[in-house]
């Protein structure tokens, strides 16, 4: 049986990748850079998956804004009141 090729991506490298992908806005830029300039197939696959999820979430948000804007406005108002109450404490 042939040995599986070990990935050259280290634990620390993945930790930094996940940190960059957790920052809003930076995650899209990071995923595009990994997809274009990445040398490891695992990083390219991960970047493609992150981009697909970001696109799906953006489409879902747009659909929600079109279908039920009043509910989202009420939710944002509720969140604003709750945040103000937390800061007042």
N, C-alpha and C. Protein backbone atom coordinates (compact mmCIF):
# COMPACT_ATOMS: atom_id res chain seq x y z
N UNK A 1 0.84 -1.17 0.00
CA UNK A 1 0.00 0.00 0.00
C UNK A 1 0.90 1.24 0.00
N UNK A 2 0.56 2.22 -0.82
CA UNK A 2 1.36 3.43 -0.93
C UNK A 2 1.12 4.34 0.27
N UNK A 3 2.19 5.02 0.66
CA UNK A 3 2.07 5.97 1.76
C UNK A 3 1.34 7.22 1.27
N UNK A 4 0.50 7.75 2.15
CA UNK A 4 -0.17 9.00 1.84
C UNK A 4 0.83 10.14 1.95
N UNK A 5 0.76 11.07 0.98
CA UNK A 5 1.67 12.20 1.01
C UNK A 5 1.26 13.15 2.13
N UNK A 6 2.22 13.52 2.95
CA UNK A 6 1.95 14.44 4.06
C UNK A 6 1.85 15.86 3.55
N UNK A 7 0.92 16.57 4.10
CA UNK A 7 0.76 17.97 3.74
C UNK A 7 1.87 18.80 4.36
N UNK A 8 2.30 19.83 3.65
CA UNK A 8 3.33 20.71 4.17
C UNK A 8 2.73 21.85 4.98
N UNK A 9 1.41 21.91 5.08
CA UNK A 9 0.76 22.98 5.83
C UNK A 9 0.78 22.61 7.31
N UNK A 10 1.41 23.47 8.10
CA UNK A 10 1.57 23.17 9.52
C UNK A 10 0.35 23.59 10.32
N UNK A 11 0.34 23.17 11.56
CA UNK A 11 -0.73 23.53 12.48
C UNK A 11 -0.81 25.04 12.64
N UNK A 12 0.32 25.69 12.83
CA UNK A 12 0.36 27.14 13.00
C UNK A 12 -0.13 27.85 11.74
N UNK A 13 0.21 27.32 10.59
CA UNK A 13 -0.25 27.89 9.33
C UNK A 13 -1.76 27.84 9.23
N UNK A 14 -2.37 26.73 9.64
CA UNK A 14 -3.82 26.62 9.62
C UNK A 14 -4.45 27.55 10.65
N UNK A 15 -3.81 27.71 11.81
CA UNK A 15 -4.34 28.62 12.83
C UNK A 15 -4.38 30.06 12.31
N UNK A 16 -3.33 30.48 11.63
CA UNK A 16 -3.29 31.83 11.05
C UNK A 16 -4.33 31.96 9.95
N UNK A 17 -4.48 30.93 9.14
CA UNK A 17 -5.49 30.95 8.08
C UNK A 17 -6.88 31.10 8.66
N UNK A 18 -7.20 30.35 9.69
CA UNK A 18 -8.52 30.44 10.31
C UNK A 18 -8.74 31.80 10.97
N UNK A 19 -7.69 32.36 11.56
CA UNK A 19 -7.79 33.69 12.15
C UNK A 19 -8.11 34.73 11.08
N UNK A 20 -7.40 34.68 9.96
CA UNK A 20 -7.65 35.63 8.87
C UNK A 20 -9.04 35.45 8.28
N UNK A 21 -9.52 34.22 8.23
CA UNK A 21 -10.85 33.97 7.67
C UNK A 21 -11.97 34.31 8.65
N UNK A 22 -11.64 34.61 9.90
CA UNK A 22 -12.65 34.98 10.88
C UNK A 22 -12.89 36.48 10.92
N UNK A 23 -12.03 37.26 10.29
CA UNK A 23 -12.17 38.72 10.30
C UNK A 23 -13.04 39.13 9.11
N UNK A 24 -14.18 39.78 9.38
CA UNK A 24 -15.06 40.19 8.28
C UNK A 24 -14.36 41.13 7.30
N UNK A 25 -14.58 40.88 6.04
CA UNK A 25 -13.94 41.68 4.99
C UNK A 25 -12.59 41.11 4.60
N UNK A 26 -11.77 40.84 5.59
CA UNK A 26 -10.45 40.27 5.33
C UNK A 26 -10.60 38.83 4.84
N UNK A 27 -11.66 38.14 5.28
CA UNK A 27 -11.84 36.75 4.91
C UNK A 27 -12.01 36.58 3.40
N UNK A 28 -12.70 37.49 2.75
CA UNK A 28 -12.89 37.38 1.31
C UNK A 28 -11.57 37.62 0.58
N UNK A 29 -10.84 38.64 1.01
CA UNK A 29 -9.54 38.94 0.38
C UNK A 29 -8.58 37.78 0.60
N UNK A 30 -8.56 37.23 1.81
CA UNK A 30 -7.69 36.10 2.11
C UNK A 30 -8.03 34.89 1.25
N UNK A 31 -9.33 34.60 1.13
CA UNK A 31 -9.75 33.44 0.34
C UNK A 31 -9.37 33.61 -1.13
N UNK A 32 -9.55 34.81 -1.65
CA UNK A 32 -9.19 35.06 -3.06
C UNK A 32 -7.68 34.90 -3.25
N UNK A 33 -6.90 35.43 -2.31
CA UNK A 33 -5.43 35.30 -2.41
C UNK A 33 -5.00 33.84 -2.34
N UNK A 34 -5.58 33.07 -1.42
CA UNK A 34 -5.24 31.65 -1.33
C UNK A 34 -5.64 30.90 -2.60
N UNK A 35 -6.79 31.28 -3.16
CA UNK A 35 -7.26 30.60 -4.36
C UNK A 35 -6.35 30.89 -5.55
N UNK A 36 -5.88 32.11 -5.65
CA UNK A 36 -5.04 32.49 -6.79
C UNK A 36 -3.57 32.10 -6.59
N UNK A 37 -3.04 32.41 -5.40
CA UNK A 37 -1.60 32.25 -5.18
C UNK A 37 -1.22 31.02 -4.35
N UNK A 38 -2.19 30.27 -3.86
CA UNK A 38 -1.90 29.14 -3.01
C UNK A 38 -1.17 28.02 -3.74
N UNK A 39 -0.23 27.42 -3.05
CA UNK A 39 0.53 26.31 -3.63
C UNK A 39 -0.01 24.96 -3.19
N UNK A 40 -0.61 24.92 -2.02
CA UNK A 40 -1.14 23.67 -1.48
C UNK A 40 -2.56 23.42 -1.96
N UNK A 41 -2.85 22.22 -2.44
CA UNK A 41 -4.22 21.91 -2.88
C UNK A 41 -5.25 22.03 -1.75
N UNK A 42 -4.84 21.71 -0.52
CA UNK A 42 -5.78 21.80 0.60
C UNK A 42 -6.17 23.25 0.86
N UNK A 43 -5.22 24.17 0.72
CA UNK A 43 -5.53 25.59 0.92
C UNK A 43 -6.43 26.12 -0.20
N UNK A 44 -6.19 25.68 -1.42
CA UNK A 44 -7.03 26.11 -2.54
C UNK A 44 -8.45 25.60 -2.38
N UNK A 45 -8.60 24.37 -1.96
CA UNK A 45 -9.93 23.81 -1.75
C UNK A 45 -10.64 24.53 -0.62
N UNK A 46 -9.92 24.80 0.45
CA UNK A 46 -10.49 25.53 1.58
C UNK A 46 -10.94 26.93 1.15
N UNK A 47 -10.11 27.61 0.37
CA UNK A 47 -10.44 28.95 -0.10
C UNK A 47 -11.69 28.93 -0.98
N UNK A 48 -11.79 27.93 -1.85
CA UNK A 48 -12.98 27.83 -2.70
C UNK A 48 -14.23 27.61 -1.86
N UNK A 49 -14.13 26.78 -0.84
CA UNK A 49 -15.28 26.53 0.03
C UNK A 49 -15.68 27.79 0.80
N UNK A 50 -14.70 28.54 1.28
CA UNK A 50 -14.98 29.79 2.00
C UNK A 50 -15.69 30.78 1.08
N UNK A 51 -15.21 30.90 -0.15
CA UNK A 51 -15.84 31.82 -1.09
C UNK A 51 -17.28 31.40 -1.43
N UNK A 52 -17.50 30.11 -1.60
CA UNK A 52 -18.86 29.64 -1.87
C UNK A 52 -19.78 29.95 -0.71
N UNK A 53 -19.32 29.71 0.52
CA UNK A 53 -20.15 30.03 1.69
C UNK A 53 -20.44 31.52 1.78
N UNK A 54 -19.44 32.35 1.50
CA UNK A 54 -19.66 33.80 1.54
C UNK A 54 -20.68 34.23 0.49
N UNK A 55 -20.62 33.65 -0.68
CA UNK A 55 -21.59 33.98 -1.74
C UNK A 55 -22.98 33.53 -1.34
N UNK A 56 -23.10 32.32 -0.79
CA UNK A 56 -24.41 31.83 -0.36
C UNK A 56 -25.01 32.69 0.75
N UNK A 57 -24.20 33.11 1.69
CA UNK A 57 -24.68 33.96 2.78
C UNK A 57 -25.10 35.33 2.25
N UNK A 58 -24.34 35.90 1.31
CA UNK A 58 -24.70 37.19 0.73
C UNK A 58 -26.02 37.09 -0.01
N UNK A 59 -26.23 36.01 -0.77
CA UNK A 59 -27.49 35.81 -1.48
C UNK A 59 -28.64 35.68 -0.50
N UNK A 60 -28.44 34.93 0.57
CA UNK A 60 -29.49 34.76 1.58
C UNK A 60 -29.84 36.09 2.23
N UNK A 61 -28.85 36.92 2.52
CA UNK A 61 -29.11 38.24 3.11
C UNK A 61 -29.89 39.12 2.16
N UNK A 62 -29.54 39.11 0.90
CA UNK A 62 -30.26 39.92 -0.09
C UNK A 62 -31.70 39.46 -0.21
N UNK A 63 -31.90 38.15 -0.25
CA UNK A 63 -33.27 37.61 -0.33
C UNK A 63 -34.07 38.02 0.90
N UNK A 64 -33.47 37.92 2.07
CA UNK A 64 -34.16 38.33 3.29
C UNK A 64 -34.51 39.81 3.28
N UNK A 65 -33.62 40.64 2.78
CA UNK A 65 -33.90 42.07 2.69
C UNK A 65 -35.05 42.37 1.74
N UNK A 66 -35.16 41.59 0.67
CA UNK A 66 -36.23 41.80 -0.30
C UNK A 66 -37.56 41.24 0.22
N UNK A 67 -37.53 40.05 0.81
CA UNK A 67 -38.76 39.36 1.21
C UNK A 67 -39.39 39.96 2.46
N UNK A 68 -38.58 40.26 3.47
CA UNK A 68 -39.17 40.74 4.73
C UNK A 68 -38.37 41.88 5.34
N UNK A 69 -38.40 43.06 4.72
CA UNK A 69 -37.63 44.17 5.25
C UNK A 69 -38.15 44.70 6.58
N UNK A 70 -39.48 44.66 6.79
CA UNK A 70 -40.03 45.18 8.05
C UNK A 70 -39.55 44.37 9.24
N UNK A 71 -39.50 43.08 9.08
CA UNK A 71 -39.04 42.21 10.17
C UNK A 71 -37.57 42.47 10.49
N UNK A 72 -36.76 42.67 9.48
CA UNK A 72 -35.35 42.95 9.71
C UNK A 72 -35.14 44.32 10.35
N UNK A 73 -35.97 45.30 9.98
CA UNK A 73 -35.88 46.61 10.61
C UNK A 73 -36.26 46.51 12.09
N UNK A 74 -37.32 45.76 12.38
CA UNK A 74 -37.73 45.57 13.77
C UNK A 74 -36.64 44.84 14.56
N UNK A 75 -36.01 43.84 13.95
CA UNK A 75 -34.94 43.11 14.61
C UNK A 75 -33.74 44.02 14.89
N UNK A 76 -33.38 44.86 13.92
CA UNK A 76 -32.25 45.76 14.13
C UNK A 76 -32.56 46.79 15.22
N UNK A 77 -33.80 47.26 15.28
CA UNK A 77 -34.19 48.19 16.34
C UNK A 77 -34.11 47.51 17.70
N UNK A 78 -34.58 46.27 17.78
CA UNK A 78 -34.51 45.51 19.02
C UNK A 78 -33.06 45.31 19.46
N UNK A 79 -32.19 45.01 18.52
CA UNK A 79 -30.78 44.82 18.84
C UNK A 79 -30.15 46.14 19.31
N UNK A 80 -30.54 47.26 18.68
CA UNK A 80 -30.00 48.55 19.07
C UNK A 80 -30.43 48.91 20.50
N UNK A 81 -31.69 48.65 20.83
CA UNK A 81 -32.18 48.91 22.18
C UNK A 81 -31.47 48.03 23.20
N UNK A 82 -31.28 46.77 22.84
CA UNK A 82 -30.58 45.84 23.75
C UNK A 82 -29.14 46.26 23.97
N UNK A 83 -28.46 46.70 22.90
CA UNK A 83 -27.07 47.16 23.04
C UNK A 83 -26.99 48.41 23.89
N UNK A 84 -27.95 49.31 23.69
CA UNK A 84 -27.97 50.54 24.50
C UNK A 84 -28.19 50.20 25.98
N UNK A 85 -29.04 49.21 26.26
CA UNK A 85 -29.28 48.81 27.64
C UNK A 85 -28.03 48.19 28.26
N UNK A 86 -27.26 47.46 27.47
CA UNK A 86 -26.02 46.87 28.00
C UNK A 86 -25.00 47.95 28.33
N UNK A 87 -24.90 48.97 27.48
CA UNK A 87 -23.92 50.03 27.71
C UNK A 87 -24.34 50.93 28.86
N UNK A 88 -25.64 50.98 29.16
CA UNK A 88 -26.12 51.84 30.23
C UNK A 88 -25.83 51.27 31.61
N UNK A 89 -25.56 49.99 31.67
CA UNK A 89 -25.34 49.33 32.96
C UNK A 89 -24.04 49.72 33.57
